[in-house]
Amino acid sequence: MSLGEFDLIGKYFTREVRRATLGIGDDCALLAPLAGMQIAVSSDMLVEGRHFLSTVAPERLGHKALAVNLSDLAACGAQPLGFTLALALPRADEVFLEGFARGLFALAEAQGIELVGGDTTQGPLNICITAMGEVPPGQALLRSGARAGDDLYVSGTVGDARLALEVFRGQLALDAAAFESVRAAMEQPQPRVALGLALRGIATSAIDVSDGLLGDLGHVLRRSGVGAIVDVDAVPRSVVLAVQSLAWQRECTLAGGDDYELIFTAAPASADAVQAAARLAGVAATRIGRIEAGAALRLVDAAGRPVPHTFGSFDHFRS
């Protein structure tokens, strides 16, 4: 017997909610944020062939679908509350659904967030999640808060997802262990929710790295009306990426995308607080430059020499 829409939902996606007032089963879910909190909302769509390859394991795809939304909440300094899932499937493939749901709920449970509703339909594989969080009034991390003189930071390491993509494209080759390492970064990113929460009251602005470090930094600079100087050799990279050519290192770290680390700014006087927040969150925070007056984005190497800005970023309608 084939699996119908409501059987699919009941078997793979219905779980008892603990924090939501009302979850799956009615026309709307009901959430009850803590008194005085503001609601933060983020939606991301993942389309097969555009955002992920057909070879990705369903469990990793379920993880990533939620992770990219949690990354947006992290960049806002919001505590996750609940999420909805809109899922289009070519067919009701139970092997795919079991793995996808397992990866989705493993991350959801680790982050204390619940699936509270959504929709399913038949069509090309397409996943759209809307995540909701809460943040105290006036404490949300925004793109518009960077000020001249602020230090510029990035969490973790960046560039591995792009490196994996270039291996898939046949542009680079890695041994099996190295490839699995960067492939995991591409297919199973870790949202920096704990860091975003720890940076409330410390960071002056923040954004997550989804389309490329320089491209996403550009959003902060435009919203804040400032410029920046970036030491391209200070941008943290993995051991696997660090042994590639300098050209590939810079391309992957500066324009790679799909990293889901946080770029953020903070006053120099907050340097110790930044490192304390990073330790609390269990992730490194590396200073990679500073914010400047004006609108220019300047790139320099470790010796302070100018580096031509020839790096792009991902654009869904131009890439």
C-alpha atoms as a PDB file:
ATOM      1  CA  MET A   1       0.000   0.000   0.000  1.00  0.00           C
ATOM      2  CA  SER A   2       1.409   3.404  -0.949  1.00  0.00           C
ATOM      3  CA  LEU A   3       1.995   6.003   1.730  1.00  0.00           C
ATOM      4  CA  GLY A   4      -0.524   8.873   1.628  1.00  0.00           C
ATOM      5  CA  GLU A   5       0.136  12.488   2.613  1.00  0.00           C
ATOM      6  CA  PHE A   6      -1.356  12.291   6.105  1.00  0.00           C
ATOM      7  CA  ASP A   7       0.124   8.864   6.753  1.00  0.00           C
ATOM      8  CA  LEU A   8       3.508  10.323   5.784  1.00  0.00           C
ATOM      9  CA  ILE A   9       3.091  13.221   8.205  1.00  0.00           C
ATOM     10  CA  GLY A  10       1.848  10.990  10.984  1.00  0.00           C
ATOM     11  CA  LYS A  11       4.581   8.386  10.604  1.00  0.00           C
ATOM     12  CA  TYR A  12       7.642  10.595  10.126  1.00  0.00           C
ATOM     13  CA  PHE A  13       6.936  14.120  11.350  1.00  0.00           C
ATOM     14  CA  THR A  14       4.363  14.071  14.157  1.00  0.00           C
ATOM     15  CA  ARG A  15       5.840  14.216  17.636  1.00  0.00           C
ATOM     16  CA  GLU A  16       4.404  15.385  20.925  1.00  0.00           C
ATOM     17  CA  VAL A  17       5.324  19.014  21.551  1.00  0.00           C
ATOM     18  CA  ARG A  18       6.654  20.062  24.929  1.00  0.00           C
ATOM     19  CA  ARG A  19       7.055  23.819  24.664  1.00  0.00           C
ATOM     20  CA  ALA A  20       4.526  24.837  21.994  1.00  0.00           C
ATOM     21  CA  THR A  21       0.937  25.347  23.140  1.00  0.00           C
ATOM     22  CA  LEU A  22      -0.350  23.523  20.066  1.00  0.00           C
ATOM     23  CA  GLY A  23       1.605  21.629  17.421  1.00  0.00           C
ATOM     24  CA  ILE A  24       0.789  19.545  14.338  1.00  0.00           C
ATOM     25  CA  GLY A  25      -2.861  18.655  13.714  1.00  0.00           C
ATOM     26  CA  ASP A  26      -4.683  21.991  13.428  1.00  0.00           C
ATOM     27  CA  ASP A  27      -4.681  24.781  10.845  1.00  0.00           C
ATOM     28  CA  CYS A  28      -2.169  26.777  12.896  1.00  0.00           C
ATOM     29  CA  ALA A  29       0.379  26.026  15.583  1.00  0.00           C
ATOM     30  CA  LEU A  30       0.377  28.063  18.773  1.00  0.00           C
ATOM     31  CA  LEU A  31       3.612  29.246  20.399  1.00  0.00           C
ATOM     32  CA  ALA A  32       3.921  30.955  23.768  1.00  0.00           C
ATOM     33  CA  PRO A  33       7.094  33.075  23.959  1.00  0.00           C
ATOM     34  CA  LEU A  34       8.271  34.186  27.367  1.00  0.00           C
ATOM     35  CA  ALA A  35       6.757  37.414  28.642  1.00  0.00           C
ATOM     36  CA  GLY A  36       8.283  40.523  27.079  1.00  0.00           C
ATOM     37  CA  MET A  37      10.197  38.660  24.365  1.00  0.00           C
ATOM     38  CA  GLN A  38      10.246  39.568  20.673  1.00  0.00           C
ATOM     39  CA  ILE A  39       9.780  36.862  18.019  1.00  0.00           C
ATOM     40  CA  ALA A  40      12.570  36.262  15.474  1.00  0.00           C
ATOM     41  CA  VAL A  41      11.528  34.474  12.261  1.00  0.00           C
ATOM     42  CA  SER A  42      13.671  33.040   9.459  1.00  0.00           C
ATOM     43  CA  SER A  43      12.770  31.053   6.315  1.00  0.00           C
ATOM     44  CA  ASP A  44      15.151  29.199   4.016  1.00  0.00           C
ATOM     45  CA  MET A  45      14.386  27.056   0.992  1.00  0.00           C
ATOM     46  CA  LEU A  46      16.633  24.225  -0.213  1.00  0.00           C
ATOM     47  CA  VAL A  47      16.183  23.078  -3.817  1.00  0.00           C
ATOM     48  CA  GLU A  48      17.800  19.921  -5.184  1.00  0.00           C
ATOM     49  CA  GLY A  49      20.538  20.753  -7.676  1.00  0.00           C
ATOM     50  CA  ARG A  50      20.745  24.323  -6.427  1.00  0.00           C
ATOM     51  CA  HIS A  51      21.432  24.017  -2.708  1.00  0.00           C
ATOM     52  CA  PHE A  52      22.348  20.352  -2.392  1.00  0.00           C
ATOM     53  CA  LEU A  53      23.469  17.477  -4.591  1.00  0.00           C
ATOM     54  CA  SER A  54      21.377  14.386  -5.232  1.00  0.00           C
ATOM     55  CA  THR A  55      24.152  12.313  -3.635  1.00  0.00           C
ATOM     56  CA  VAL A  56      23.705  13.793  -0.150  1.00  0.00           C
ATOM     57  CA  ALA A  57      22.600  11.317   2.510  1.00  0.00           C
ATOM     58  CA  PRO A  58      18.974  11.979   3.596  1.00  0.00           C
ATOM     59  CA  GLU A  59      20.034  12.201   7.265  1.00  0.00           C
ATOM     60  CA  ARG A  60      22.514  14.969   6.449  1.00  0.00           C
ATOM     61  CA  LEU A  61      19.954  16.754   4.308  1.00  0.00           C
ATOM     62  CA  GLY A  62      17.465  16.775   7.185  1.00  0.00           C
ATOM     63  CA  HIS A  63      20.156  18.207   9.446  1.00  0.00           C
ATOM     64  CA  LYS A  64      21.191  20.894   6.987  1.00  0.00           C
ATOM     65  CA  ALA A  65      17.646  21.979   6.182  1.00  0.00           C
ATOM     66  CA  LEU A  66      17.138  22.940   9.814  1.00  0.00           C
ATOM     67  CA  ALA A  67      20.715  24.075  10.445  1.00  0.00           C
ATOM     68  CA  VAL A  68      20.620  26.884   7.889  1.00  0.00           C
ATOM     69  CA  ASN A  69      17.572  28.367   9.614  1.00  0.00           C
ATOM     70  CA  LEU A  70      19.037  27.974  13.077  1.00  0.00           C
ATOM     71  CA  SER A  71      22.125  29.759  11.761  1.00  0.00           C
ATOM     72  CA  ASP A  72      19.960  32.795  10.957  1.00  0.00           C
ATOM     73  CA  LEU A  73      18.543  32.751  14.486  1.00  0.00           C
ATOM     74  CA  ALA A  74      22.108  32.509  15.800  1.00  0.00           C
ATOM     75  CA  ALA A  75      23.124  35.582  13.799  1.00  0.00           C
ATOM     76  CA  CYS A  76      20.257  37.455  15.450  1.00  0.00           C
ATOM     77  CA  GLY A  77      21.112  36.238  18.952  1.00  0.00           C
ATOM     78  CA  ALA A  78      17.739  34.498  19.221  1.00  0.00           C
ATOM     79  CA  GLN A  79      16.845  31.435  21.284  1.00  0.00           C
ATOM     80  CA  PRO A  80      15.083  28.847  19.057  1.00  0.00           C
ATOM     81  CA  LEU A  81      11.426  28.089  19.840  1.00  0.00           C
ATOM     82  CA  GLY A  82       9.870  26.039  17.034  1.00  0.00           C
ATOM     83  CA  PHE A  83       9.846  25.479  13.284  1.00  0.00           C
ATOM     84  CA  THR A  84       7.587  24.498  10.394  1.00  0.00           C
ATOM     85  CA  LEU A  85       8.468  22.270   7.434  1.00  0.00           C
ATOM     86  CA  ALA A  86       7.110  22.545   3.897  1.00  0.00           C
ATOM     87  CA  LEU A  87       8.277  19.519   1.917  1.00  0.00           C
ATOM     88  CA  ALA A  88       7.772  18.662  -1.754  1.00  0.00           C
ATOM     89  CA  LEU A  89       8.683  15.088  -2.700  1.00  0.00           C
ATOM     90  CA  PRO A  90       8.750  13.366  -6.095  1.00  0.00           C
ATOM     91  CA  ARG A  91       7.322  10.283  -4.341  1.00  0.00           C
ATOM     92  CA  ALA A  92       6.762   9.003  -0.797  1.00  0.00           C
ATOM     93  CA  ASP A  93      10.123   7.242  -0.484  1.00  0.00           C
ATOM     94  CA  GLU A  94      10.181   5.748   3.013  1.00  0.00           C
ATOM     95  CA  VAL A  95      13.943   5.143   3.006  1.00  0.00           C
ATOM     96  CA  PHE A  96      14.513   8.822   2.242  1.00  0.00           C
ATOM     97  CA  LEU A  97      11.884   9.962   4.741  1.00  0.00           C
ATOM     98  CA  GLU A  98      13.255   7.855   7.577  1.00  0.00           C
ATOM     99  CA  GLY A  99      16.775   9.215   7.128  1.00  0.00           C
ATOM    100  CA  PHE A 100      15.636  12.796   6.551  1.00  0.00           C
ATOM    101  CA  ALA A 101      13.437  12.793   9.661  1.00  0.00           C
ATOM    102  CA  ARG A 102      16.197  11.228  11.750  1.00  0.00           C
ATOM    103  CA  GLY A 103      18.693  13.950  10.829  1.00  0.00           C
ATOM    104  CA  LEU A 104      16.104  16.703  11.202  1.00  0.00           C
ATOM    105  CA  PHE A 105      14.970  15.656  14.665  1.00  0.00           C
ATOM    106  CA  ALA A 106      18.472  14.875  15.944  1.00  0.00           C
ATOM    107  CA  LEU A 107      19.439  18.512  15.431  1.00  0.00           C
ATOM    108  CA  ALA A 108      16.058  19.770  16.642  1.00  0.00           C
ATOM    109  CA  GLU A 109      16.381  17.862  19.897  1.00  0.00           C
ATOM    110  CA  ALA A 110      19.985  18.994  20.380  1.00  0.00           C
ATOM    111  CA  GLN A 111      18.839  22.598  20.065  1.00  0.00           C
ATOM    112  CA  GLY A 112      15.607  22.238  22.050  1.00  0.00           C
ATOM    113  CA  ILE A 113      13.384  23.206  19.093  1.00  0.00           C
ATOM    114  CA  GLU A 114      10.132  21.529  17.970  1.00  0.00           C
ATOM    115  CA  LEU A 115       8.419  20.903  14.638  1.00  0.00           C
ATOM    116  CA  VAL A 116       5.004  22.521  15.036  1.00  0.00           C
ATOM    117  CA  GLY A 117       3.477  22.417  11.547  1.00  0.00           C
ATOM    118  CA  GLY A 118       3.968  22.713   7.804  1.00  0.00           C
ATOM    119  CA  ASP A 119       2.834  21.126   4.543  1.00  0.00           C
ATOM    120  CA  THR A 120       3.661  18.275   2.182  1.00  0.00           C
ATOM    121  CA  THR A 121       3.011  17.899  -1.538  1.00  0.00           C
ATOM    122  CA  GLN A 122       4.232  15.991  -4.561  1.00  0.00           C
ATOM    123  CA  GLY A 123       6.764  17.691  -6.820  1.00  0.00           C
ATOM    124  CA  PRO A 124      10.507  18.200  -7.371  1.00  0.00           C
ATOM    125  CA  LEU A 125      12.432  17.778  -4.114  1.00  0.00           C
ATOM    126  CA  ASN A 126      12.159  21.093  -2.306  1.00  0.00           C
ATOM    127  CA  ILE A 127      12.492  21.805   1.423  1.00  0.00           C
ATOM    128  CA  CYS A 128      11.395  25.028   3.089  1.00  0.00           C
ATOM    129  CA  ILE A 129      11.740  25.517   6.833  1.00  0.00           C
ATOM    130  CA  THR A 130      10.589  28.508   8.840  1.00  0.00           C
ATOM    131  CA  ALA A 131      12.236  28.761  12.250  1.00  0.00           C
ATOM    132  CA  MET A 132      11.025  30.939  15.095  1.00  0.00           C
ATOM    133  CA  GLY A 133      12.960  32.161  18.099  1.00  0.00           C
ATOM    134  CA  GLU A 134      12.762  34.733  20.860  1.00  0.00           C
ATOM    135  CA  VAL A 135      15.043  37.564  21.900  1.00  0.00           C
ATOM    136  CA  PRO A 136      14.727  40.301  24.555  1.00  0.00           C
ATOM    137  CA  PRO A 137      13.754  43.727  23.157  1.00  0.00           C
ATOM    138  CA  GLY A 138      16.816  45.723  22.172  1.00  0.00           C
ATOM    139  CA  GLN A 139      19.185  42.742  22.369  1.00  0.00           C
ATOM    140  CA  ALA A 140      18.855  41.312  18.849  1.00  0.00           C
ATOM    141  CA  LEU A 141      22.109  41.254  16.899  1.00  0.00           C
ATOM    142  CA  LEU A 142      21.559  43.231  13.694  1.00  0.00           C
ATOM    143  CA  ARG A 143      23.490  43.946  10.507  1.00  0.00           C
ATOM    144  CA  SER A 144      23.183  47.680  11.084  1.00  0.00           C
ATOM    145  CA  GLY A 145      25.205  48.096  14.283  1.00  0.00           C
ATOM    146  CA  ALA A 146      28.848  48.033  13.103  1.00  0.00           C
ATOM    147  CA  ARG A 147      30.800  51.203  13.938  1.00  0.00           C
ATOM    148  CA  ALA A 148      34.148  52.560  12.774  1.00  0.00           C
ATOM    149  CA  GLY A 149      36.871  51.219  15.047  1.00  0.00           C
ATOM    150  CA  ASP A 150      35.091  47.941  15.826  1.00  0.00           C
ATOM    151  CA  ASP A 151      37.060  44.718  15.513  1.00  0.00           C
ATOM    152  CA  LEU A 152      35.851  42.224  12.902  1.00  0.00           C
ATOM    153  CA  TYR A 153      35.591  38.522  13.804  1.00  0.00           C
ATOM    154  CA  VAL A 154      34.549  35.216  12.292  1.00  0.00           C
ATOM    155  CA  SER A 155      33.757  32.015  14.173  1.00  0.00           C
ATOM    156  CA  GLY A 156      35.172  28.561  13.495  1.00  0.00           C
ATOM    157  CA  THR A 157      36.820  28.007  10.127  1.00  0.00           C
ATOM    158  CA  VAL A 158      35.512  28.848   6.674  1.00  0.00           C
ATOM    159  CA  GLY A 159      36.094  27.519   3.182  1.00  0.00           C
ATOM    160  CA  ASP A 160      35.686  23.747   3.593  1.00  0.00           C
ATOM    161  CA  ALA A 161      32.220  23.613   2.018  1.00  0.00           C
ATOM    162  CA  ARG A 162      33.509  25.339  -1.108  1.00  0.00           C
ATOM    163  CA  LEU A 163      36.521  23.024  -1.185  1.00  0.00           C
ATOM    164  CA  ALA A 164      34.183  20.009  -1.117  1.00  0.00           C
ATOM    165  CA  LEU A 165      32.142  21.497  -3.951  1.00  0.00           C
ATOM    166  CA  GLU A 166      35.264  21.915  -6.097  1.00  0.00           C
ATOM    167  CA  VAL A 167      36.128  18.261  -5.494  1.00  0.00           C
ATOM    168  CA  PHE A 168      32.626  17.278  -6.615  1.00  0.00           C
ATOM    169  CA  ARG A 169      33.135  19.472  -9.700  1.00  0.00           C
ATOM    170  CA  GLY A 170      36.426  17.737 -10.470  1.00  0.00           C
ATOM    171  CA  GLN A 171      38.511  20.896 -10.071  1.00  0.00           C
ATOM    172  CA  LEU A 172      40.494  19.576  -7.096  1.00  0.00           C
ATOM    173  CA  ALA A 173      41.379  16.168  -5.655  1.00  0.00           C
ATOM    174  CA  LEU A 174      41.646  15.070  -2.014  1.00  0.00           C
ATOM    175  CA  ASP A 175      42.338  11.766  -0.327  1.00  0.00           C
ATOM    176  CA  ALA A 176      39.340   9.948   1.137  1.00  0.00           C
ATOM    177  CA  ALA A 177      39.749  11.166   4.738  1.00  0.00           C
ATOM    178  CA  ALA A 178      40.272  14.790   3.751  1.00  0.00           C
ATOM    179  CA  PHE A 179      37.321  14.692   1.373  1.00  0.00           C
ATOM    180  CA  GLU A 180      35.011  13.235   4.008  1.00  0.00           C
ATOM    181  CA  SER A 181      36.052  16.011   6.401  1.00  0.00           C
ATOM    182  CA  VAL A 182      35.185  18.838   4.008  1.00  0.00           C
ATOM    183  CA  ARG A 183      32.119  17.023   2.696  1.00  0.00           C
ATOM    184  CA  ALA A 184      30.757  16.865   6.247  1.00  0.00           C
ATOM    185  CA  ALA A 185      31.285  20.620   6.553  1.00  0.00           C
ATOM    186  CA  MET A 186      29.310  21.128   3.347  1.00  0.00           C
ATOM    187  CA  GLU A 187      26.482  18.716   4.103  1.00  0.00           C
ATOM    188  CA  GLN A 188      26.204  18.939   7.899  1.00  0.00           C
ATOM    189  CA  PRO A 189      27.032  22.496   9.061  1.00  0.00           C
ATOM    190  CA  GLN A 190      26.814  23.315  12.762  1.00  0.00           C
ATOM    191  CA  PRO A 191      24.687  26.386  13.557  1.00  0.00           C
ATOM    192  CA  ARG A 192      26.363  28.693  16.083  1.00  0.00           C
ATOM    193  CA  VAL A 193      23.298  29.238  18.252  1.00  0.00           C
ATOM    194  CA  ALA A 194      25.221  29.163  21.542  1.00  0.00           C
ATOM    195  CA  LEU A 195      27.679  31.753  20.258  1.00  0.00           C
ATOM    196  CA  GLY A 196      24.915  34.051  19.048  1.00  0.00           C
ATOM    197  CA  LEU A 197      23.289  33.936  22.484  1.00  0.00           C
ATOM    198  CA  ALA A 198      26.617  34.518  24.241  1.00  0.00           C
ATOM    199  CA  LEU A 199      27.353  37.557  22.042  1.00  0.00           C
ATOM    200  CA  ARG A 200      24.203  39.437  23.041  1.00  0.00           C
ATOM    201  CA  GLY A 201      25.316  42.686  24.646  1.00  0.00           C
ATOM    202  CA  ILE A 202      28.864  42.222  23.296  1.00  0.00           C
ATOM    203  CA  ALA A 203      28.688  42.150  19.493  1.00  0.00           C
ATOM    204  CA  THR A 204      27.617  45.325  17.722  1.00  0.00           C
ATOM    205  CA  SER A 205      26.511  43.530  14.536  1.00  0.00           C
ATOM    206  CA  ALA A 206      26.350  40.003  13.138  1.00  0.00           C
ATOM    207  CA  ILE A 207      25.480  37.932  10.082  1.00  0.00           C
ATOM    208  CA  ASP A 208      25.962  34.282   9.170  1.00  0.00           C
ATOM    209  CA  VAL A 209      28.173  33.153   6.292  1.00  0.00           C
ATOM    210  CA  SER A 210      25.862  31.581   3.725  1.00  0.00           C
ATOM    211  CA  ASP A 211      26.870  33.159   0.397  1.00  0.00           C
ATOM    212  CA  GLY A 212      30.557  33.878   1.075  1.00  0.00           C
ATOM    213  CA  LEU A 213      32.467  35.784   3.748  1.00  0.00           C
ATOM    214  CA  LEU A 214      33.085  38.954   1.741  1.00  0.00           C
ATOM    215  CA  GLY A 215      29.636  38.980   0.200  1.00  0.00           C
ATOM    216  CA  ASP A 216      27.897  38.567   3.539  1.00  0.00           C
ATOM    217  CA  LEU A 217      30.216  41.084   5.195  1.00  0.00           C
ATOM    218  CA  GLY A 218      29.160  43.488   2.461  1.00  0.00           C
ATOM    219  CA  HIS A 219      25.562  43.317   3.736  1.00  0.00           C
ATOM    220  CA  VAL A 220      26.750  44.437   7.175  1.00  0.00           C
ATOM    221  CA  LEU A 221      28.832  47.259   5.734  1.00  0.00           C
ATOM    222  CA  ARG A 222      25.962  48.587   3.619  1.00  0.00           C
ATOM    223  CA  ARG A 223      23.412  48.401   6.429  1.00  0.00           C
ATOM    224  CA  SER A 224      25.834  50.033   8.869  1.00  0.00           C
ATOM    225  CA  GLY A 225      27.142  52.668   6.449  1.00  0.00           C
ATOM    226  CA  VAL A 226      30.796  51.770   7.060  1.00  0.00           C
ATOM    227  CA  GLY A 227      33.803  50.148   5.382  1.00  0.00           C
ATOM    228  CA  ALA A 228      36.282  47.533   6.544  1.00  0.00           C
ATOM    229  CA  ILE A 229      39.824  46.264   6.191  1.00  0.00           C
ATOM    230  CA  VAL A 230      40.209  42.474   6.111  1.00  0.00           C
ATOM    231  CA  ASP A 231      43.450  40.554   6.593  1.00  0.00           C
ATOM    232  CA  VAL A 232      42.787  37.736   4.113  1.00  0.00           C
ATOM    233  CA  ASP A 233      45.545  35.576   5.588  1.00  0.00           C
ATOM    234  CA  ALA A 234      44.069  35.814   9.088  1.00  0.00           C
ATOM    235  CA  VAL A 235      40.780  34.230   8.011  1.00  0.00           C
ATOM    236  CA  PRO A 236      40.736  30.827   9.799  1.00  0.00           C
ATOM    237  CA  ARG A 237      40.834  27.713   7.631  1.00  0.00           C
ATOM    238  CA  SER A 238      41.062  23.990   8.272  1.00  0.00           C
ATOM    239  CA  VAL A 239      44.219  21.937   7.984  1.00  0.00           C
ATOM    240  CA  VAL A 240      42.783  20.353   4.823  1.00  0.00           C
ATOM    241  CA  LEU A 241      42.270  23.729   3.147  1.00  0.00           C
ATOM    242  CA  ALA A 242      45.558  25.182   4.442  1.00  0.00           C
ATOM    243  CA  VAL A 243      47.618  22.785   2.286  1.00  0.00           C
ATOM    244  CA  GLN A 244      45.909  23.870  -0.938  1.00  0.00           C
ATOM    245  CA  SER A 245      47.374  26.601  -3.154  1.00  0.00           C
ATOM    246  CA  LEU A 246      47.129  30.140  -1.807  1.00  0.00           C
ATOM    247  CA  ALA A 247      44.784  31.032  -4.649  1.00  0.00           C
ATOM    248  CA  TRP A 248      42.369  28.253  -3.718  1.00  0.00           C
ATOM    249  CA  GLN A 249      42.649  29.065  -0.003  1.00  0.00           C
ATOM    250  CA  ARG A 250      41.603  32.649  -0.623  1.00  0.00           C
ATOM    251  CA  GLU A 251      38.858  31.739  -3.078  1.00  0.00           C
ATOM    252  CA  CYS A 252      37.342  29.214  -0.684  1.00  0.00           C
ATOM    253  CA  THR A 253      37.605  31.298   2.488  1.00  0.00           C
ATOM    254  CA  LEU A 254      36.555  34.638   1.006  1.00  0.00           C
ATOM    255  CA  ALA A 255      33.966  33.640  -1.594  1.00  0.00           C
ATOM    256  CA  GLY A 256      33.057  30.051  -0.776  1.00  0.00           C
ATOM    257  CA  GLY A 257      29.781  30.239   1.130  1.00  0.00           C
ATOM    258  CA  ASP A 258      27.757  27.471   2.811  1.00  0.00           C
ATOM    259  CA  ASP A 259      29.898  27.797   5.953  1.00  0.00           C
ATOM    260  CA  TYR A 260      27.202  28.976   8.389  1.00  0.00           C
ATOM    261  CA  GLU A 261      29.759  30.503  10.707  1.00  0.00           C
ATOM    262  CA  LEU A 262      29.125  33.938  12.221  1.00  0.00           C
ATOM    263  CA  ILE A 263      30.774  37.179  11.127  1.00  0.00           C
ATOM    264  CA  PHE A 264      30.424  39.785  13.861  1.00  0.00           C
ATOM    265  CA  THR A 265      31.843  43.057  15.102  1.00  0.00           C
ATOM    266  CA  ALA A 266      32.655  44.262  18.601  1.00  0.00           C
ATOM    267  CA  ALA A 267      34.406  47.225  20.190  1.00  0.00           C
ATOM    268  CA  PRO A 268      38.128  46.692  20.903  1.00  0.00           C
ATOM    269  CA  ALA A 269      37.404  47.062  24.609  1.00  0.00           C
ATOM    270  CA  SER A 270      35.201  43.946  24.347  1.00  0.00           C
ATOM    271  CA  ALA A 271      37.998  41.666  23.077  1.00  0.00           C
ATOM    272  CA  ASP A 272      38.200  39.686  26.323  1.00  0.00           C
ATOM    273  CA  ALA A 273      34.404  39.380  26.475  1.00  0.00           C
ATOM    274  CA  VAL A 274      34.348  38.093  22.894  1.00  0.00           C
ATOM    275  CA  GLN A 275      36.832  35.354  23.722  1.00  0.00           C
ATOM    276  CA  ALA A 276      34.947  34.460  26.901  1.00  0.00           C
ATOM    277  CA  ALA A 277      31.717  34.144  24.855  1.00  0.00           C
ATOM    278  CA  ALA A 278      33.516  31.954  22.313  1.00  0.00           C
ATOM    279  CA  ARG A 279      34.857  29.686  25.050  1.00  0.00           C
ATOM    280  CA  LEU A 280      31.395  29.415  26.577  1.00  0.00           C
ATOM    281  CA  ALA A 281      30.007  28.423  23.161  1.00  0.00           C
ATOM    282  CA  GLY A 282      32.851  25.978  22.488  1.00  0.00           C
ATOM    283  CA  VAL A 283      33.928  27.574  19.210  1.00  0.00           C
ATOM    284  CA  ALA A 284      36.886  29.755  18.200  1.00  0.00           C
ATOM    285  CA  ALA A 285      36.428  33.437  17.350  1.00  0.00           C
ATOM    286  CA  THR A 286      39.199  34.938  15.212  1.00  0.00           C
ATOM    287  CA  ARG A 287      39.828  38.629  14.639  1.00  0.00           C
ATOM    288  CA  ILE A 288      40.223  39.169  10.890  1.00  0.00           C
ATOM    289  CA  GLY A 289      40.116  42.952  10.543  1.00  0.00           C
ATOM    290  CA  ARG A 290      38.421  46.127  11.647  1.00  0.00           C
ATOM    291  CA  ILE A 291      35.599  48.412  10.657  1.00  0.00           C
ATOM    292  CA  GLU A 292      36.520  51.751   9.088  1.00  0.00           C
ATOM    293  CA  ALA A 293      34.746  55.001   8.300  1.00  0.00           C
ATOM    294  CA  GLY A 294      33.658  55.381   4.691  1.00  0.00           C
ATOM    295  CA  ALA A 295      32.279  52.718   2.383  1.00  0.00           C
ATOM    296  CA  ALA A 296      35.366  50.902   1.099  1.00  0.00           C
ATOM    297  CA  LEU A 297      36.194  47.243   1.652  1.00  0.00           C
ATOM    298  CA  ARG A 298      39.978  46.869   1.617  1.00  0.00           C
ATOM    299  CA  LEU A 299      41.806  43.543   1.556  1.00  0.00           C
ATOM    300  CA  VAL A 300      45.386  43.119   2.746  1.00  0.00           C
ATOM    301  CA  ASP A 301      47.716  40.163   3.284  1.00  0.00           C
ATOM    302  CA  ALA A 302      49.602  39.259   6.462  1.00  0.00           C
ATOM    303  CA  ALA A 303      52.322  41.802   5.609  1.00  0.00           C
ATOM    304  CA  GLY A 304      49.772  44.580   5.102  1.00  0.00           C
ATOM    305  CA  ARG A 305      50.116  44.587   1.312  1.00  0.00           C
ATOM    306  CA  PRO A 306      46.924  45.296  -0.687  1.00  0.00           C
ATOM    307  CA  VAL A 307      45.173  42.267  -2.195  1.00  0.00           C
ATOM    308  CA  PRO A 308      43.001  42.898  -5.281  1.00  0.00           C
ATOM    309  CA  HIS A 309      39.312  42.418  -4.503  1.00  0.00           C
ATOM    310  CA  THR A 310      38.334  39.994  -7.271  1.00  0.00           C
ATOM    311  CA  PHE A 311      36.233  37.686  -5.100  1.00  0.00           C
ATOM    312  CA  GLY A 312      32.540  37.240  -5.748  1.00  0.00           C
ATOM    313  CA  SER A 313      29.731  35.698  -3.713  1.00  0.00           C
ATOM    314  CA  PHE A 314      26.843  33.387  -4.440  1.00  0.00           C
ATOM    315  CA  ASP A 315      23.753  34.913  -6.065  1.00  0.00           C
ATOM    316  CA  HIS A 316      20.788  32.657  -6.904  1.00  0.00           C
ATOM    317  CA  PHE A 317      20.030  34.547 -10.098  1.00  0.00           C
ATOM    318  CA  ARG A 318      23.610  35.137 -11.265  1.00  0.00           C
ATOM    319  CA  SER A 319      25.513  32.020 -10.187  1.00  0.00           C
END
